[in-house]
Amino acid sequence: MGNTWTTRAETGAEIAAVRAINLAAFPTPAEADLVDTLRADPTAWIDGLSLVAVDEADRPVGHALLTRCHIDAVPALCLAPCAVRPEHQRSGAGAAAVRAALAAARSAGEHHVVVLGHPAYYPRFGFTRASAHGIGLTVDVPDEALMALSLDDGHPLPGGTVRYAAPFGI
Protein backbone atom coordinates (compact mmCIF):
# COMPACT_ATOMS: atom_id res chain seq x y z
CA MET A 1 0.00 0.00 0.00
CA GLY A 2 2.97 2.34 0.36
CA ASN A 3 2.23 5.75 1.80
CA THR A 4 -1.31 6.05 0.46
CA TRP A 5 -3.90 5.32 3.11
CA THR A 6 -7.64 5.72 3.12
CA THR A 7 -8.89 7.45 6.24
CA ARG A 8 -12.35 8.07 7.62
CA ALA A 9 -14.30 8.44 10.82
CA GLU A 10 -14.75 5.15 12.62
CA THR A 11 -18.14 3.52 12.39
CA GLY A 12 -20.09 2.03 15.26
CA ALA A 13 -19.28 -1.42 13.90
CA GLU A 14 -15.54 -0.70 14.31
CA ILE A 15 -15.42 -0.08 18.05
CA ALA A 16 -13.93 -3.54 18.64
CA ALA A 17 -11.42 -3.04 15.80
CA VAL A 18 -10.27 0.28 17.29
CA ARG A 19 -9.85 -1.41 20.67
CA ALA A 20 -7.84 -4.20 19.00
CA ILE A 21 -5.54 -1.63 17.35
CA ASN A 22 -4.79 0.00 20.71
CA LEU A 23 -4.33 -3.37 22.43
CA ALA A 24 -1.86 -4.45 19.75
CA ALA A 25 0.04 -1.15 19.66
CA PHE A 26 0.69 -0.67 23.38
CA PRO A 27 2.24 -2.96 26.01
CA THR A 28 -0.74 -2.67 28.40
CA PRO A 29 -4.50 -2.25 27.87
CA ALA A 30 -4.40 1.27 29.40
CA GLU A 31 -4.83 3.13 26.09
CA ALA A 32 -7.56 0.79 24.83
CA ASP A 33 -9.37 1.21 28.15
CA LEU A 34 -8.92 4.99 27.91
CA VAL A 35 -10.58 5.06 24.48
CA ASP A 36 -13.52 3.05 25.83
CA THR A 37 -13.86 5.35 28.84
CA LEU A 38 -13.63 8.48 26.67
CA ARG A 39 -16.23 7.02 24.30
CA ALA A 40 -18.63 6.74 27.27
CA ASP A 41 -17.96 10.32 28.47
CA PRO A 42 -20.37 12.77 26.81
CA THR A 43 -18.25 15.74 27.93
CA ALA A 44 -15.20 14.35 26.13
CA TRP A 45 -16.39 12.36 23.11
CA ILE A 46 -17.10 14.19 19.85
CA ASP A 47 -18.67 12.15 17.08
CA GLY A 48 -16.59 12.20 13.92
CA LEU A 49 -13.25 12.83 15.64
CA SER A 50 -12.21 9.20 16.07
CA LEU A 51 -10.44 8.50 12.78
CA VAL A 52 -9.11 5.30 11.30
CA ALA A 53 -6.67 4.47 8.53
CA VAL A 54 -7.85 1.38 6.69
CA ASP A 55 -6.05 -1.21 4.59
CA GLU A 56 -7.03 -2.24 1.07
CA ALA A 57 -9.72 -4.55 2.52
CA ASP A 58 -11.21 -1.58 4.47
CA ARG A 59 -10.00 -2.99 7.82
CA PRO A 60 -8.88 -0.37 10.36
CA VAL A 61 -5.14 -0.60 11.05
CA GLY A 62 -4.45 2.87 12.47
CA HIS A 63 -6.37 5.13 14.84
CA ALA A 64 -6.20 8.75 16.02
CA LEU A 65 -8.59 10.19 18.58
CA LEU A 66 -9.45 13.79 19.41
CA THR A 67 -11.54 14.49 22.50
CA ARG A 68 -12.60 17.64 24.32
CA CYS A 69 -10.25 19.35 26.71
CA HIS A 70 -9.85 22.99 27.72
CA ILE A 71 -7.00 25.46 27.95
CA ASP A 72 -8.24 27.35 31.00
CA ALA A 73 -11.82 28.14 29.88
CA VAL A 74 -11.14 27.89 26.13
CA PRO A 75 -12.43 24.70 24.45
CA ALA A 76 -9.69 22.69 22.77
CA LEU A 77 -9.03 19.14 21.66
CA CYS A 78 -6.64 16.53 22.99
CA LEU A 79 -4.96 14.21 20.50
CA ALA A 80 -4.60 10.84 22.23
CA PRO A 81 -4.20 8.05 21.84
CA CYS A 82 -2.77 7.46 18.40
CA ALA A 83 -2.07 3.84 17.53
CA VAL A 84 -1.17 1.57 14.63
CA ARG A 85 -1.19 -2.23 14.48
CA PRO A 86 2.45 -3.35 14.81
CA GLU A 87 2.58 -4.92 11.34
CA HIS A 88 1.64 -1.53 9.82
CA GLN A 89 3.82 0.74 11.95
CA ARG A 90 6.23 3.01 10.05
CA SER A 91 4.04 2.75 6.96
CA GLY A 92 2.36 6.15 7.21
CA ALA A 93 -0.93 4.78 8.58
CA GLY A 94 -0.58 6.67 11.86
CA ALA A 95 0.36 9.93 10.16
CA ALA A 96 -2.59 9.54 7.79
CA ALA A 97 -4.97 9.03 10.73
CA VAL A 98 -3.56 12.06 12.57
CA ARG A 99 -3.83 14.27 9.46
CA ALA A 100 -7.40 13.07 8.91
CA ALA A 101 -8.30 13.78 12.55
CA LEU A 102 -6.86 17.30 12.35
CA ALA A 103 -8.70 17.93 9.07
CA ALA A 104 -11.97 16.67 10.58
CA ALA A 105 -11.47 18.96 13.60
CA ARG A 106 -10.81 21.92 11.32
CA SER A 107 -13.94 21.11 9.31
CA ALA A 108 -15.95 20.87 12.55
CA GLY A 109 -14.91 24.42 13.46
CA GLU A 110 -12.46 23.49 16.19
CA HIS A 111 -9.51 25.81 16.77
CA HIS A 112 -6.90 24.31 19.13
CA VAL A 113 -5.29 20.90 19.70
CA VAL A 114 -2.86 19.75 22.37
CA VAL A 115 -0.85 16.56 22.47
CA LEU A 116 1.36 15.01 25.10
CA GLY A 117 3.61 12.84 23.01
CA HIS A 118 6.89 12.15 21.30
CA PRO A 119 8.61 15.46 20.49
CA ALA A 120 10.23 14.06 17.35
CA TYR A 121 6.92 12.86 15.86
CA TYR A 122 4.23 15.51 16.28
CA PRO A 123 6.00 18.62 14.91
CA ARG A 124 5.51 17.21 11.38
CA PHE A 125 1.82 18.05 11.82
CA GLY A 126 2.53 21.63 12.92
CA PHE A 127 2.65 21.09 16.69
CA THR A 128 5.07 23.28 18.65
CA ARG A 129 6.07 23.41 22.31
CA ALA A 130 3.04 24.41 24.32
CA SER A 131 5.19 26.34 26.79
CA ALA A 132 6.12 28.77 23.99
CA HIS A 133 2.44 29.77 23.99
CA GLY A 134 2.09 29.91 27.78
CA ILE A 135 0.33 26.54 27.92
CA GLY A 136 1.11 24.07 30.70
CA LEU A 137 -0.20 21.20 32.79
CA THR A 138 -0.83 20.70 36.50
CA VAL A 139 1.60 17.74 36.45
CA ASP A 140 5.27 17.64 35.57
CA VAL A 141 6.07 16.41 32.08
CA PRO A 142 9.10 17.04 29.88
CA ASP A 143 8.64 20.50 28.37
CA GLU A 144 9.22 19.26 24.83
CA ALA A 145 6.53 16.55 25.18
CA LEU A 146 3.57 18.90 25.63
CA MET A 147 2.76 20.46 22.26
CA ALA A 148 -0.04 22.57 20.83
CA LEU A 149 -1.42 23.50 17.44
CA SER A 150 -3.77 26.22 16.21
CA LEU A 151 -5.99 24.88 13.44
CA ASP A 152 -6.50 28.31 11.91
CA ASP A 153 -4.66 31.63 11.86
CA GLY A 154 -7.71 33.50 13.09
CA HIS A 155 -7.55 31.78 16.48
CA PRO A 156 -4.08 31.92 18.01
CA LEU A 157 -3.37 29.52 20.84
CA PRO A 158 -4.52 30.79 24.23
CA GLY A 159 -2.23 30.61 27.22
CA GLY A 160 -3.32 28.68 30.28
CA THR A 161 -3.48 25.28 31.89
CA VAL A 162 -4.73 22.28 29.95
CA ARG A 163 -7.66 20.54 31.61
CA TYR A 164 -8.06 17.08 30.15
CA ALA A 165 -11.29 15.10 30.26
CA ALA A 166 -11.70 13.20 33.54
CA PRO A 167 -10.79 9.77 32.07
CA PHE A 168 -7.20 10.97 31.54
CA GLY A 169 -6.74 11.41 35.28
CA ILE A 170 -4.70 14.59 34.82
C-alpha atoms as a PDB file:
ATOM      1  CA  MET A   1       0.000   0.000   0.000  1.00  0.00           C
ATOM      2  CA  GLY A   2       2.974   2.341   0.361  1.00  0.00           C
ATOM      3  CA  ASN A   3       2.230   5.750   1.802  1.00  0.00           C
ATOM      4  CA  THR A   4      -1.315   6.048   0.457  1.00  0.00           C
ATOM      5  CA  TRP A   5      -3.900   5.320   3.107  1.00  0.00           C
ATOM      6  CA  THR A   6      -7.643   5.720   3.119  1.00  0.00           C
ATOM      7  CA  THR A   7      -8.893   7.455   6.244  1.00  0.00           C
ATOM      8  CA  ARG A   8     -12.353   8.071   7.623  1.00  0.00           C
ATOM      9  CA  ALA A   9     -14.302   8.438  10.817  1.00  0.00           C
ATOM     10  CA  GLU A  10     -14.748   5.154  12.620  1.00  0.00           C
ATOM     11  CA  THR A  11     -18.144   3.524  12.388  1.00  0.00           C
ATOM     12  CA  GLY A  12     -20.088   2.032  15.263  1.00  0.00           C
ATOM     13  CA  ALA A  13     -19.277  -1.417  13.898  1.00  0.00           C
ATOM     14  CA  GLU A  14     -15.535  -0.701  14.305  1.00  0.00           C
ATOM     15  CA  ILE A  15     -15.416  -0.076  18.052  1.00  0.00           C
ATOM     16  CA  ALA A  16     -13.926  -3.538  18.639  1.00  0.00           C
ATOM     17  CA  ALA A  17     -11.419  -3.037  15.798  1.00  0.00           C
ATOM     18  CA  VAL A  18     -10.266   0.277  17.293  1.00  0.00           C
ATOM     19  CA  ARG A  19      -9.853  -1.414  20.670  1.00  0.00           C
ATOM     20  CA  ALA A  20      -7.843  -4.197  19.000  1.00  0.00           C
ATOM     21  CA  ILE A  21      -5.535  -1.629  17.350  1.00  0.00           C
ATOM     22  CA  ASN A  22      -4.795  -0.005  20.709  1.00  0.00           C
ATOM     23  CA  LEU A  23      -4.332  -3.367  22.434  1.00  0.00           C
ATOM     24  CA  ALA A  24      -1.857  -4.449  19.754  1.00  0.00           C
ATOM     25  CA  ALA A  25       0.044  -1.152  19.657  1.00  0.00           C
ATOM     26  CA  PHE A  26       0.695  -0.673  23.383  1.00  0.00           C
ATOM     27  CA  PRO A  27       2.238  -2.955  26.015  1.00  0.00           C
ATOM     28  CA  THR A  28      -0.740  -2.669  28.396  1.00  0.00           C
ATOM     29  CA  PRO A  29      -4.505  -2.251  27.866  1.00  0.00           C
ATOM     30  CA  ALA A  30      -4.405   1.267  29.397  1.00  0.00           C
ATOM     31  CA  GLU A  31      -4.826   3.130  26.091  1.00  0.00           C
ATOM     32  CA  ALA A  32      -7.564   0.795  24.832  1.00  0.00           C
ATOM     33  CA  ASP A  33      -9.373   1.210  28.148  1.00  0.00           C
ATOM     34  CA  LEU A  34      -8.918   4.987  27.913  1.00  0.00           C
ATOM     35  CA  VAL A  35     -10.576   5.061  24.481  1.00  0.00           C
ATOM     36  CA  ASP A  36     -13.518   3.049  25.830  1.00  0.00           C
ATOM     37  CA  THR A  37     -13.864   5.351  28.842  1.00  0.00           C
ATOM     38  CA  LEU A  38     -13.628   8.479  26.673  1.00  0.00           C
ATOM     39  CA  ARG A  39     -16.228   7.024  24.305  1.00  0.00           C
ATOM     40  CA  ALA A  40     -18.631   6.740  27.267  1.00  0.00           C
ATOM     41  CA  ASP A  41     -17.959  10.321  28.470  1.00  0.00           C
ATOM     42  CA  PRO A  42     -20.374  12.773  26.812  1.00  0.00           C
ATOM     43  CA  THR A  43     -18.246  15.744  27.927  1.00  0.00           C
ATOM     44  CA  ALA A  44     -15.196  14.346  26.132  1.00  0.00           C
ATOM     45  CA  TRP A  45     -16.386  12.363  23.106  1.00  0.00           C
ATOM     46  CA  ILE A  46     -17.096  14.190  19.854  1.00  0.00           C
ATOM     47  CA  ASP A  47     -18.674  12.153  17.075  1.00  0.00           C
ATOM     48  CA  GLY A  48     -16.595  12.197  13.919  1.00  0.00           C
ATOM     49  CA  LEU A  49     -13.255  12.828  15.640  1.00  0.00           C
ATOM     50  CA  SER A  50     -12.208   9.202  16.074  1.00  0.00           C
ATOM     51  CA  LEU A  51     -10.443   8.504  12.783  1.00  0.00           C
ATOM     52  CA  VAL A  52      -9.109   5.296  11.297  1.00  0.00           C
ATOM     53  CA  ALA A  53      -6.671   4.472   8.532  1.00  0.00           C
ATOM     54  CA  VAL A  54      -7.853   1.375   6.694  1.00  0.00           C
ATOM     55  CA  ASP A  55      -6.052  -1.211   4.587  1.00  0.00           C
ATOM     56  CA  GLU A  56      -7.031  -2.239   1.066  1.00  0.00           C
ATOM     57  CA  ALA A  57      -9.721  -4.555   2.521  1.00  0.00           C
ATOM     58  CA  ASP A  58     -11.215  -1.585   4.471  1.00  0.00           C
ATOM     59  CA  ARG A  59      -9.998  -2.989   7.817  1.00  0.00           C
ATOM     60  CA  PRO A  60      -8.881  -0.366  10.356  1.00  0.00           C
ATOM     61  CA  VAL A  61      -5.138  -0.605  11.048  1.00  0.00           C
ATOM     62  CA  GLY A  62      -4.454   2.870  12.470  1.00  0.00           C
ATOM     63  CA  HIS A  63      -6.370   5.127  14.837  1.00  0.00           C
ATOM     64  CA  ALA A  64      -6.202   8.746  16.017  1.00  0.00           C
ATOM     65  CA  LEU A  65      -8.588  10.194  18.580  1.00  0.00           C
ATOM     66  CA  LEU A  66      -9.454  13.789  19.406  1.00  0.00           C
ATOM     67  CA  THR A  67     -11.541  14.487  22.505  1.00  0.00           C
ATOM     68  CA  ARG A  68     -12.603  17.640  24.319  1.00  0.00           C
ATOM     69  CA  CYS A  69     -10.249  19.348  26.706  1.00  0.00           C
ATOM     70  CA  HIS A  70      -9.845  22.995  27.722  1.00  0.00           C
ATOM     71  CA  ILE A  71      -6.997  25.456  27.952  1.00  0.00           C
ATOM     72  CA  ASP A  72      -8.240  27.346  31.000  1.00  0.00           C
ATOM     73  CA  ALA A  73     -11.819  28.144  29.876  1.00  0.00           C
ATOM     74  CA  VAL A  74     -11.145  27.892  26.125  1.00  0.00           C
ATOM     75  CA  PRO A  75     -12.432  24.699  24.449  1.00  0.00           C
ATOM     76  CA  ALA A  76      -9.688  22.691  22.773  1.00  0.00           C
ATOM     77  CA  LEU A  77      -9.030  19.139  21.664  1.00  0.00           C
ATOM     78  CA  CYS A  78      -6.642  16.527  22.991  1.00  0.00           C
ATOM     79  CA  LEU A  79      -4.958  14.212  20.499  1.00  0.00           C
ATOM     80  CA  ALA A  80      -4.601  10.841  22.234  1.00  0.00           C
ATOM     81  CA  PRO A  81      -4.198   8.051  21.838  1.00  0.00           C
ATOM     82  CA  CYS A  82      -2.770   7.459  18.400  1.00  0.00           C
ATOM     83  CA  ALA A  83      -2.071   3.841  17.530  1.00  0.00           C
ATOM     84  CA  VAL A  84      -1.167   1.567  14.631  1.00  0.00           C
ATOM     85  CA  ARG A  85      -1.190  -2.225  14.480  1.00  0.00           C
ATOM     86  CA  PRO A  86       2.450  -3.352  14.814  1.00  0.00           C
ATOM     87  CA  GLU A  87       2.583  -4.923  11.344  1.00  0.00           C
ATOM     88  CA  HIS A  88       1.640  -1.533   9.817  1.00  0.00           C
ATOM     89  CA  GLN A  89       3.824   0.738  11.950  1.00  0.00           C
ATOM     90  CA  ARG A  90       6.227   3.014  10.052  1.00  0.00           C
ATOM     91  CA  SER A  91       4.039   2.747   6.963  1.00  0.00           C
ATOM     92  CA  GLY A  92       2.363   6.145   7.213  1.00  0.00           C
ATOM     93  CA  ALA A  93      -0.928   4.780   8.576  1.00  0.00           C
ATOM     94  CA  GLY A  94      -0.582   6.670  11.860  1.00  0.00           C
ATOM     95  CA  ALA A  95       0.357   9.928  10.158  1.00  0.00           C
ATOM     96  CA  ALA A  96      -2.592   9.538   7.792  1.00  0.00           C
ATOM     97  CA  ALA A  97      -4.971   9.028  10.733  1.00  0.00           C
ATOM     98  CA  VAL A  98      -3.562  12.057  12.567  1.00  0.00           C
ATOM     99  CA  ARG A  99      -3.832  14.267   9.463  1.00  0.00           C
ATOM    100  CA  ALA A 100      -7.399  13.073   8.911  1.00  0.00           C
ATOM    101  CA  ALA A 101      -8.297  13.778  12.546  1.00  0.00           C
ATOM    102  CA  LEU A 102      -6.864  17.301  12.350  1.00  0.00           C
ATOM    103  CA  ALA A 103      -8.705  17.934   9.065  1.00  0.00           C
ATOM    104  CA  ALA A 104     -11.971  16.668  10.581  1.00  0.00           C
ATOM    105  CA  ALA A 105     -11.471  18.955  13.600  1.00  0.00           C
ATOM    106  CA  ARG A 106     -10.813  21.920  11.317  1.00  0.00           C
ATOM    107  CA  SER A 107     -13.944  21.108   9.311  1.00  0.00           C
ATOM    108  CA  ALA A 108     -15.948  20.875  12.550  1.00  0.00           C
ATOM    109  CA  GLY A 109     -14.907  24.420  13.461  1.00  0.00           C
ATOM    110  CA  GLU A 110     -12.456  23.486  16.194  1.00  0.00           C
ATOM    111  CA  HIS A 111      -9.507  25.807  16.767  1.00  0.00           C
ATOM    112  CA  HIS A 112      -6.904  24.306  19.125  1.00  0.00           C
ATOM    113  CA  VAL A 113      -5.292  20.905  19.703  1.00  0.00           C
ATOM    114  CA  VAL A 114      -2.855  19.754  22.372  1.00  0.00           C
ATOM    115  CA  VAL A 115      -0.847  16.561  22.475  1.00  0.00           C
ATOM    116  CA  LEU A 116       1.363  15.006  25.103  1.00  0.00           C
ATOM    117  CA  GLY A 117       3.611  12.843  23.014  1.00  0.00           C
ATOM    118  CA  HIS A 118       6.886  12.152  21.300  1.00  0.00           C
ATOM    119  CA  PRO A 119       8.613  15.463  20.494  1.00  0.00           C
ATOM    120  CA  ALA A 120      10.233  14.062  17.347  1.00  0.00           C
ATOM    121  CA  TYR A 121       6.924  12.864  15.857  1.00  0.00           C
ATOM    122  CA  TYR A 122       4.233  15.509  16.279  1.00  0.00           C
ATOM    123  CA  PRO A 123       6.001  18.623  14.907  1.00  0.00           C
ATOM    124  CA  ARG A 124       5.513  17.208  11.378  1.00  0.00           C
ATOM    125  CA  PHE A 125       1.816  18.051  11.819  1.00  0.00           C
ATOM    126  CA  GLY A 126       2.528  21.625  12.924  1.00  0.00           C
ATOM    127  CA  PHE A 127       2.654  21.093  16.690  1.00  0.00           C
ATOM    128  CA  THR A 128       5.072  23.278  18.654  1.00  0.00           C
ATOM    129  CA  ARG A 129       6.073  23.409  22.306  1.00  0.00           C
ATOM    130  CA  ALA A 130       3.037  24.409  24.318  1.00  0.00           C
ATOM    131  CA  SER A 131       5.189  26.343  26.788  1.00  0.00           C
ATOM    132  CA  ALA A 132       6.117  28.766  23.989  1.00  0.00           C
ATOM    133  CA  HIS A 133       2.436  29.770  23.988  1.00  0.00           C
ATOM    134  CA  GLY A 134       2.087  29.907  27.779  1.00  0.00           C
ATOM    135  CA  ILE A 135       0.327  26.535  27.915  1.00  0.00           C
ATOM    136  CA  GLY A 136       1.110  24.075  30.699  1.00  0.00           C
ATOM    137  CA  LEU A 137      -0.203  21.202  32.786  1.00  0.00           C
ATOM    138  CA  THR A 138      -0.826  20.697  36.500  1.00  0.00           C
ATOM    139  CA  VAL A 139       1.600  17.737  36.454  1.00  0.00           C
ATOM    140  CA  ASP A 140       5.274  17.638  35.574  1.00  0.00           C
ATOM    141  CA  VAL A 141       6.067  16.411  32.078  1.00  0.00           C
ATOM    142  CA  PRO A 142       9.102  17.040  29.881  1.00  0.00           C
ATOM    143  CA  ASP A 143       8.640  20.498  28.366  1.00  0.00           C
ATOM    144  CA  GLU A 144       9.221  19.263  24.831  1.00  0.00           C
ATOM    145  CA  ALA A 145       6.529  16.547  25.176  1.00  0.00           C
ATOM    146  CA  LEU A 146       3.566  18.904  25.627  1.00  0.00           C
ATOM    147  CA  MET A 147       2.757  20.459  22.262  1.00  0.00           C
ATOM    148  CA  ALA A 148      -0.040  22.568  20.831  1.00  0.00           C
ATOM    149  CA  LEU A 149      -1.422  23.504  17.435  1.00  0.00           C
ATOM    150  CA  SER A 150      -3.772  26.217  16.213  1.00  0.00           C
ATOM    151  CA  LEU A 151      -5.990  24.882  13.441  1.00  0.00           C
ATOM    152  CA  ASP A 152      -6.498  28.314  11.914  1.00  0.00           C
ATOM    153  CA  ASP A 153      -4.662  31.629  11.858  1.00  0.00           C
ATOM    154  CA  GLY A 154      -7.714  33.502  13.090  1.00  0.00           C
ATOM    155  CA  HIS A 155      -7.555  31.777  16.476  1.00  0.00           C
ATOM    156  CA  PRO A 156      -4.077  31.918  18.010  1.00  0.00           C
ATOM    157  CA  LEU A 157      -3.371  29.516  20.838  1.00  0.00           C
ATOM    158  CA  PRO A 158      -4.517  30.792  24.226  1.00  0.00           C
ATOM    159  CA  GLY A 159      -2.226  30.608  27.223  1.00  0.00           C
ATOM    160  CA  GLY A 160      -3.320  28.683  30.278  1.00  0.00           C
ATOM    161  CA  THR A 161      -3.476  25.281  31.893  1.00  0.00           C
ATOM    162  CA  VAL A 162      -4.732  22.278  29.949  1.00  0.00           C
ATOM    163  CA  ARG A 163      -7.658  20.545  31.611  1.00  0.00           C
ATOM    164  CA  TYR A 164      -8.063  17.077  30.152  1.00  0.00           C
ATOM    165  CA  ALA A 165     -11.292  15.102  30.257  1.00  0.00           C
ATOM    166  CA  ALA A 166     -11.697  13.198  33.541  1.00  0.00           C
ATOM    167  CA  PRO A 167     -10.789   9.765  32.066  1.00  0.00           C
ATOM    168  CA  PHE A 168      -7.203  10.965  31.539  1.00  0.00           C
ATOM    169  CA  GLY A 169      -6.744  11.405  35.281  1.00  0.00           C
ATOM    170  CA  ILE A 170      -4.697  14.594  34.815  1.00  0.00           C
END
